[in-house]
PDB file of N, CA and C in Angstrom:
ATOM      1  N   MET A   1      59.563   0.534 -33.649  1.00  0.00           N
ATOM      2  CA  MET A   1      58.309  -0.015 -33.198  1.00  0.00           C
ATOM      3  C   MET A   1      57.582   1.039 -32.377  1.00  0.00           C
ATOM      4  N   HIS A   2      56.312   1.150 -32.588  1.00  0.00           N
ATOM      5  CA  HIS A   2      55.486   2.098 -31.842  1.00  0.00           C
ATOM      6  C   HIS A   2      54.321   1.333 -31.235  1.00  0.00           C
ATOM      7  N   VAL A   3      54.193   1.407 -29.922  1.00  0.00           N
ATOM      8  CA  VAL A   3      53.132   0.697 -29.215  1.00  0.00           C
ATOM      9  C   VAL A   3      52.272   1.718 -28.487  1.00  0.00           C
ATOM     10  N   LYS A   4      50.971   1.647 -28.690  1.00  0.00           N
ATOM     11  CA  LYS A   4      50.060   2.545 -27.984  1.00  0.00           C
ATOM     12  C   LYS A   4      49.705   1.935 -26.633  1.00  0.00           C
ATOM     13  N   PRO A   5      49.852   2.709 -25.550  1.00  0.00           N
ATOM     14  CA  PRO A   5      49.461   2.183 -24.233  1.00  0.00           C
ATOM     15  C   PRO A   5      47.934   2.112 -24.126  1.00  0.00           C
ATOM     16  N   PRO A   6      47.437   1.281 -23.235  1.00  0.00           N
ATOM     17  CA  PRO A   6      45.986   1.218 -23.021  1.00  0.00           C
ATOM     18  C   PRO A   6      45.440   2.579 -22.593  1.00  0.00           C
ATOM     19  N   LYS A   7      44.211   2.868 -22.963  1.00  0.00           N
ATOM     20  CA  LYS A   7      43.595   4.160 -22.625  1.00  0.00           C
ATOM     21  C   LYS A   7      43.442   4.363 -21.124  1.00  0.00           C
ATOM     22  N   THR A   8      43.467   3.286 -20.352  1.00  0.00           N
ATOM     23  CA  THR A   8      43.322   3.411 -18.905  1.00  0.00           C
ATOM     24  C   THR A   8      44.621   3.834 -18.234  1.00  0.00           C
ATOM     25  N   TRP A   9      45.757   3.793 -18.953  1.00  0.00           N
ATOM     26  CA  TRP A   9      47.025   4.225 -18.374  1.00  0.00           C
ATOM     27  C   TRP A   9      47.067   5.743 -18.321  1.00  0.00           C
ATOM     28  N   GLY A  10      47.721   6.283 -17.313  1.00  0.00           N
ATOM     29  CA  GLY A  10      47.947   7.713 -17.231  1.00  0.00           C
ATOM     30  C   GLY A  10      49.172   8.099 -18.042  1.00  0.00           C
ATOM     31  N   LYS A  11      49.363   9.408 -18.275  1.00  0.00           N
ATOM     32  CA  LYS A  11      50.521   9.915 -19.009  1.00  0.00           C
ATOM     33  C   LYS A  11      51.159  11.048 -18.216  1.00  0.00           C
ATOM     34  N   TYR A  12      52.427  11.291 -18.504  1.00  0.00           N
ATOM     35  CA  TYR A  12      53.129  12.430 -17.913  1.00  0.00           C
ATOM     36  C   TYR A  12      53.865  13.138 -19.024  1.00  0.00           C
ATOM     37  N   THR A  13      53.668  14.425 -19.135  1.00  0.00           N
ATOM     38  CA  THR A  13      54.362  15.224 -20.134  1.00  0.00           C
ATOM     39  C   THR A  13      54.974  16.430 -19.457  1.00  0.00           C
ATOM     40  N   SER A  14      56.013  16.978 -20.048  1.00  0.00           N
ATOM     41  CA  SER A  14      56.720  18.058 -19.388  1.00  0.00           C
ATOM     42  C   SER A  14      57.409  18.955 -20.406  1.00  0.00           C
ATOM     43  N   THR A  15      57.771  20.165 -19.964  1.00  0.00           N
ATOM     44  CA  THR A  15      58.517  21.115 -20.780  1.00  0.00           C
ATOM     45  C   THR A  15      59.709  21.599 -19.976  1.00  0.00           C
ATOM     46  N   VAL A  16      60.875  21.638 -20.613  1.00  0.00           N
ATOM     47  CA  VAL A  16      62.070  22.201 -19.979  1.00  0.00           C
ATOM     48  C   VAL A  16      62.209  23.632 -20.474  1.00  0.00           C
ATOM     49  N   LEU A  17      62.276  24.565 -19.545  1.00  0.00           N
ATOM     50  CA  LEU A  17      62.423  25.985 -19.862  1.00  0.00           C
ATOM     51  C   LEU A  17      63.745  26.494 -19.309  1.00  0.00           C
ATOM     52  N   ARG A  18      64.218  27.600 -19.852  1.00  0.00           N
ATOM     53  CA  ARG A  18      65.392  28.261 -19.304  1.00  0.00           C
ATOM     54  C   ARG A  18      65.055  29.723 -19.087  1.00  0.00           C
ATOM     55  N   SER A  19      65.741  30.343 -18.152  1.00  0.00           N
ATOM     56  CA  SER A  19      65.562  31.772 -17.896  1.00  0.00           C
ATOM     57  C   SER A  19      66.184  32.561 -19.037  1.00  0.00           C
ATOM     58  N   ASP A  20      65.508  33.637 -19.440  1.00  0.00           N
ATOM     59  CA  ASP A  20      66.106  34.502 -20.453  1.00  0.00           C
ATOM     60  C   ASP A  20      66.623  35.782 -19.794  1.00  0.00           C
ATOM     61  N   ASP A  21      67.284  36.610 -20.561  1.00  0.00           N
ATOM     62  CA  ASP A  21      67.899  37.823 -20.012  1.00  0.00           C
ATOM     63  C   ASP A  21      66.881  38.868 -19.574  1.00  0.00           C
ATOM     64  N   ALA A  22      65.642  38.754 -20.051  1.00  0.00           N
ATOM     65  CA  ALA A  22      64.602  39.718 -19.702  1.00  0.00           C
ATOM     66  C   ALA A  22      63.831  39.307 -18.450  1.00  0.00           C
ATOM     67  N   GLY A  23      64.230  38.189 -17.811  1.00  0.00           N
ATOM     68  CA  GLY A  23      63.546  37.743 -16.606  1.00  0.00           C
ATOM     69  C   GLY A  23      62.401  36.786 -16.872  1.00  0.00           C
ATOM     70  N   GLY A  24      62.193  36.424 -18.125  1.00  0.00           N
ATOM     71  CA  GLY A  24      61.143  35.477 -18.467  1.00  0.00           C
ATOM     72  C   GLY A  24      61.726  34.095 -18.686  1.00  0.00           C
ATOM     73  N   THR A  25      60.973  33.263 -19.363  1.00  0.00           N
ATOM     74  CA  THR A  25      61.443  31.920 -19.680  1.00  0.00           C
ATOM     75  C   THR A  25      61.192  31.619 -21.149  1.00  0.00           C
ATOM     76  N   VAL A  26      62.031  30.734 -21.695  1.00  0.00           N
ATOM     77  CA  VAL A  26      61.878  30.263 -23.072  1.00  0.00           C
ATOM     78  C   VAL A  26      62.141  28.767 -23.088  1.00  0.00           C
ATOM     79  N   PRO A  27      61.536  28.026 -24.040  1.00  0.00           N
ATOM     80  CA  PRO A  27      61.772  26.582 -24.133  1.00  0.00           C
ATOM     81  C   PRO A  27      63.241  26.282 -24.401  1.00  0.00           C
ATOM     82  N   LEU A  28      63.726  25.187 -23.847  1.00  0.00           N
ATOM     83  CA  LEU A  28      65.109  24.752 -24.038  1.00  0.00           C
ATOM     84  C   LEU A  28      65.106  23.547 -24.973  1.00  0.00           C
ATOM     85  N   ALA A  29      65.425  23.794 -26.242  1.00  0.00           N
ATOM     86  CA  ALA A  29      65.451  22.737 -27.255  1.00  0.00           C
ATOM     87  C   ALA A  29      66.746  21.944 -27.165  1.00  0.00           C
ATOM     88  N   GLY A  30      66.668  20.636 -27.414  1.00  0.00           N
ATOM     89  CA  GLY A  30      67.857  19.799 -27.475  1.00  0.00           C
ATOM     90  C   GLY A  30      68.473  19.429 -26.142  1.00  0.00           C
ATOM     91  N   ALA A  31      67.783  19.692 -25.039  1.00  0.00           N
ATOM     92  CA  ALA A  31      68.297  19.310 -23.724  1.00  0.00           C
ATOM     93  C   ALA A  31      68.192  17.794 -23.554  1.00  0.00           C
ATOM     94  N   THR A  32      69.180  17.195 -22.917  1.00  0.00           N
ATOM     95  CA  THR A  32      69.152  15.761 -22.650  1.00  0.00           C
ATOM     96  C   THR A  32      68.414  15.496 -21.355  1.00  0.00           C
ATOM     97  N   VAL A  33      67.468  14.564 -21.393  1.00  0.00           N
ATOM     98  CA  VAL A  33      66.683  14.184 -20.225  1.00  0.00           C
ATOM     99  C   VAL A  33      66.912  12.696 -19.989  1.00  0.00           C
ATOM    100  N   GLN A  34      67.378  12.335 -18.794  1.00  0.00           N
ATOM    101  CA  GLN A  34      67.623  10.934 -18.436  1.00  0.00           C
ATOM    102  C   GLN A  34      66.520  10.475 -17.498  1.00  0.00           C
ATOM    103  N   ILE A  35      65.884   9.368 -17.834  1.00  0.00           N
ATOM    104  CA  ILE A  35      64.809   8.808 -17.018  1.00  0.00           C
ATOM    105  C   ILE A  35      65.232   7.416 -16.583  1.00  0.00           C
ATOM    106  N   ASP A  36      65.290   7.192 -15.282  1.00  0.00           N
ATOM    107  CA  ASP A  36      65.690   5.896 -14.742  1.00  0.00           C
ATOM    108  C   ASP A  36      64.643   5.400 -13.762  1.00  0.00           C
ATOM    109  N   SER A  37      64.394   4.102 -13.783  1.00  0.00           N
ATOM    110  CA  SER A  37      63.543   3.473 -12.787  1.00  0.00           C
ATOM    111  C   SER A  37      64.081   2.079 -12.533  1.00  0.00           C
ATOM    112  N   TRP A  38      63.447   1.348 -11.665  1.00  0.00           N
ATOM    113  CA  TRP A  38      63.894  -0.010 -11.383  1.00  0.00           C
ATOM    114  C   TRP A  38      63.707  -0.910 -12.599  1.00  0.00           C
ATOM    115  N   ALA A  39      62.794  -0.537 -13.514  1.00  0.00           N
ATOM    116  CA  ALA A  39      62.455  -1.413 -14.633  1.00  0.00           C
ATOM    117  C   ALA A  39      63.076  -1.013 -15.968  1.00  0.00           C
ATOM    118  N   PHE A  40      63.466   0.255 -16.125  1.00  0.00           N
ATOM    119  CA  PHE A  40      63.972   0.700 -17.418  1.00  0.00           C
ATOM    120  C   PHE A  40      64.790   1.974 -17.283  1.00  0.00           C
ATOM    121  N   SER A  41      65.424   2.352 -18.376  1.00  0.00           N
ATOM    122  CA  SER A  41      66.193   3.586 -18.441  1.00  0.00           C
ATOM    123  C   SER A  41      66.070   4.151 -19.849  1.00  0.00           C
ATOM    124  N   TYR A  42      65.762   5.442 -19.969  1.00  0.00           N
ATOM    125  CA  TYR A  42      65.642   6.109 -21.263  1.00  0.00           C
ATOM    126  C   TYR A  42      66.447   7.397 -21.257  1.00  0.00           C
ATOM    127  N   THR A  43      66.987   7.750 -22.401  1.00  0.00           N
ATOM    128  CA  THR A  43      67.604   9.054 -22.602  1.00  0.00           C
ATOM    129  C   THR A  43      66.848   9.727 -23.733  1.00  0.00           C
ATOM    130  N   LEU A  44      66.310  10.909 -23.465  1.00  0.00           N
ATOM    131  CA  LEU A  44      65.501  11.650 -24.432  1.00  0.00           C
ATOM    132  C   LEU A  44      66.126  13.010 -24.696  1.00  0.00           C
ATOM    133  N   LYS A  45      65.770  13.619 -25.798  1.00  0.00           N
ATOM    134  CA  LYS A  45      66.132  15.006 -26.107  1.00  0.00           C
ATOM    135  C   LYS A  45      64.836  15.806 -26.181  1.00  0.00           C
ATOM    136  N   THR A  46      64.865  17.036 -25.677  1.00  0.00           N
ATOM    137  CA  THR A  46      63.675  17.875 -25.773  1.00  0.00           C
ATOM    138  C   THR A  46      63.485  18.325 -27.219  1.00  0.00           C
ATOM    139  N   ALA A  47      62.231  18.512 -27.591  1.00  0.00           N
ATOM    140  CA  ALA A  47      61.873  18.994 -28.918  1.00  0.00           C
ATOM    141  C   ALA A  47      62.158  20.494 -29.025  1.00  0.00           C
ATOM    142  N   ARG A  48      61.909  21.049 -30.173  1.00  0.00           N
ATOM    143  CA  ARG A  48      62.150  22.479 -30.412  1.00  0.00           C
ATOM    144  C   ARG A  48      61.405  23.362 -29.413  1.00  0.00           C
ATOM    145  N   ASP A  49      60.214  22.885 -28.982  1.00  0.00           N
ATOM    146  CA  ASP A  49      59.419  23.659 -28.021  1.00  0.00           C
ATOM    147  C   ASP A  49      59.724  23.305 -26.565  1.00  0.00           C
ATOM    148  N   GLY A  50      60.805  22.509 -26.343  1.00  0.00           N
ATOM    149  CA  GLY A  50      61.222  22.170 -24.990  1.00  0.00           C
ATOM    150  C   GLY A  50      60.468  21.018 -24.351  1.00  0.00           C
ATOM    151  N   THR A  51      59.543  20.397 -25.075  1.00  0.00           N
ATOM    152  CA  THR A  51      58.731  19.328 -24.493  1.00  0.00           C
ATOM    153  C   THR A  51      59.406  17.968 -24.591  1.00  0.00           C
ATOM    154  N   PHE A  52      59.013  17.100 -23.697  1.00  0.00           N
ATOM    155  CA  PHE A  52      59.400  15.692 -23.731  1.00  0.00           C
ATOM    156  C   PHE A  52      58.315  14.913 -23.007  1.00  0.00           C
ATOM    157  N   PRO A  53      58.163  13.602 -23.320  1.00  0.00           N
ATOM    158  CA  PRO A  53      57.000  12.875 -22.826  1.00  0.00           C
ATOM    159  C   PRO A  53      57.055  12.357 -21.398  1.00  0.00           C
ATOM    160  N   ALA A  54      58.160  12.465 -20.704  1.00  0.00           N
ATOM    161  CA  ALA A  54      58.235  11.951 -19.330  1.00  0.00           C
ATOM    162  C   ALA A  54      59.348  12.675 -18.597  1.00  0.00           C
ATOM    163  N   VAL A  55      59.412  12.473 -17.282  1.00  0.00           N
ATOM    164  CA  VAL A  55      60.432  13.177 -16.503  1.00  0.00           C
ATOM    165  C   VAL A  55      60.871  12.330 -15.319  1.00  0.00           C
ATOM    166  N   ALA A  56      62.123  12.490 -14.908  1.00  0.00           N
ATOM    167  CA  ALA A  56      62.677  11.722 -13.793  1.00  0.00           C
ATOM    168  C   ALA A  56      62.402  12.452 -12.481  1.00  0.00           C
ATOM    169  N   THR A  57      61.233  12.292 -11.958  1.00  0.00           N
ATOM    170  CA  THR A  57      60.843  12.868 -10.681  1.00  0.00           C
ATOM    171  C   THR A  57      59.672  12.040 -10.158  1.00  0.00           C
ATOM    172  N   LYS A  58      59.355  12.169  -8.905  1.00  0.00           N
ATOM    173  CA  LYS A  58      58.220  11.432  -8.374  1.00  0.00           C
ATOM    174  C   LYS A  58      56.949  12.228  -8.629  1.00  0.00           C
ATOM    175  N   VAL A  59      55.994  11.589  -9.275  1.00  0.00           N
ATOM    176  CA  VAL A  59      54.699  12.207  -9.540  1.00  0.00           C
ATOM    177  C   VAL A  59      53.624  11.143  -9.373  1.00  0.00           C
ATOM    178  N   LYS A  60      52.419  11.588  -9.151  1.00  0.00           N
ATOM    179  CA  LYS A  60      51.290  10.660  -9.074  1.00  0.00           C
ATOM    180  C   LYS A  60      50.578  10.706 -10.422  1.00  0.00           C
ATOM    181  N   ILE A  61      50.577   9.566 -11.110  1.00  0.00           N
ATOM    182  CA  ILE A  61      49.926   9.459 -12.401  1.00  0.00           C
ATOM    183  C   ILE A  61      48.505   8.947 -12.162  1.00  0.00           C
ATOM    184  N   VAL A  62      47.522   9.655 -12.709  1.00  0.00           N
ATOM    185  CA  VAL A  62      46.123   9.301 -12.525  1.00  0.00           C
ATOM    186  C   VAL A  62      45.645   8.528 -13.753  1.00  0.00           C
ATOM    187  N   LYS A  63      44.996   7.415 -13.517  1.00  0.00           N
ATOM    188  CA  LYS A  63      44.498   6.552 -14.584  1.00  0.00           C
ATOM    189  C   LYS A  63      43.658   7.339 -15.588  1.00  0.00           C
ATOM    190  N   GLY A  64      44.016   7.244 -16.875  1.00  0.00           N
ATOM    191  CA  GLY A  64      43.247   7.877 -17.936  1.00  0.00           C
ATOM    192  C   GLY A  64      43.437   9.373 -18.072  1.00  0.00           C
ATOM    193  N   GLU A  65      44.352   9.978 -17.307  1.00  0.00           N
ATOM    194  CA  GLU A  65      44.577  11.426 -17.365  1.00  0.00           C
ATOM    195  C   GLU A  65      46.033  11.722 -17.704  1.00  0.00           C
ATOM    196  N   THR A  66      46.312  12.975 -18.094  1.00  0.00           N
ATOM    197  CA  THR A  66      47.676  13.419 -18.359  1.00  0.00           C
ATOM    198  C   THR A  66      48.109  14.346 -17.237  1.00  0.00           C
ATOM    199  N   THR A  67      49.225  14.032 -16.605  1.00  0.00           N
ATOM    200  CA  THR A  67      49.798  14.873 -15.561  1.00  0.00           C
ATOM    201  C   THR A  67      50.899  15.714 -16.216  1.00  0.00           C
ATOM    202  N   ILE A  68      50.928  17.019 -15.935  1.00  0.00           N
ATOM    203  CA  ILE A  68      51.899  17.923 -16.557  1.00  0.00           C
ATOM    204  C   ILE A  68      52.806  18.503 -15.489  1.00  0.00           C
ATOM    205  N   GLY A  69      54.102  18.561 -15.775  1.00  0.00           N
ATOM    206  CA  GLY A  69      55.072  19.176 -14.881  1.00  0.00           C
ATOM    207  C   GLY A  69      56.107  19.918 -15.706  1.00  0.00           C
ATOM    208  N   ASN A  70      56.298  21.192 -15.454  1.00  0.00           N
ATOM    209  CA  ASN A  70      57.273  21.982 -16.199  1.00  0.00           C
ATOM    210  C   ASN A  70      58.429  22.386 -15.312  1.00  0.00           C
ATOM    211  N   PHE A  71      59.618  22.489 -15.894  1.00  0.00           N
ATOM    212  CA  PHE A  71      60.823  22.801 -15.153  1.00  0.00           C
ATOM    213  C   PHE A  71      61.514  23.996 -15.791  1.00  0.00           C
ATOM    214  N   THR A  72      61.988  24.923 -14.968  1.00  0.00           N
ATOM    215  CA  THR A  72      62.774  26.050 -15.469  1.00  0.00           C
ATOM    216  C   THR A  72      64.179  25.927 -14.932  1.00  0.00           C
ATOM    217  N   LEU A  73      65.150  25.910 -15.837  1.00  0.00           N
ATOM    218  CA  LEU A  73      66.555  25.842 -15.466  1.00  0.00           C
ATOM    219  C   LEU A  73      67.118  27.251 -15.417  1.00  0.00           C
ATOM    220  N   LYS A  74      67.908  27.543 -14.409  1.00  0.00           N
ATOM    221  CA  LYS A  74      68.516  28.861 -14.254  1.00  0.00           C
ATOM    222  C   LYS A  74      70.006  28.765 -14.513  1.00  0.00           C
ATOM    223  N   LYS A  75      70.592  29.856 -15.043  1.00  0.00           N
ATOM    224  CA  LYS A  75      72.027  29.901 -15.265  1.00  0.00           C
ATOM    225  C   LYS A  75      72.760  29.838 -13.947  1.00  0.00           C
ATOM    226  N   ALA A  76      73.862  29.118 -13.955  1.00  0.00           N
ATOM    227  CA  ALA A  76      74.716  29.078 -12.748  1.00  0.00           C
ATOM    228  C   ALA A  76      75.385  30.444 -12.595  1.00  0.00           C
ATOM    229  N   PRO A  77      75.588  30.878 -11.354  1.00  0.00           N
ATOM    230  CA  PRO A  77      76.199  32.198 -11.158  1.00  0.00           C
ATOM    231  C   PRO A  77      77.652  32.218 -11.618  1.00  0.00           C
TER     232      PRO A  77
END
């Protein structure tokens, strides 16, 4: 089932990146993203370009606009 939200609702989109060996960043495909709230819980996988439609963090969503937040993951030492 696919339901379109009302146009007055805001959206949040994000990209998961990882550090590369050259000091830059590249998209992280296939990463698991867990989103939890008081009302629901979702588990998503990032697309080939590292994007996913929501993120588990506090953000202010503005009515009728898209809020973007990108994350870069670093290798553990």
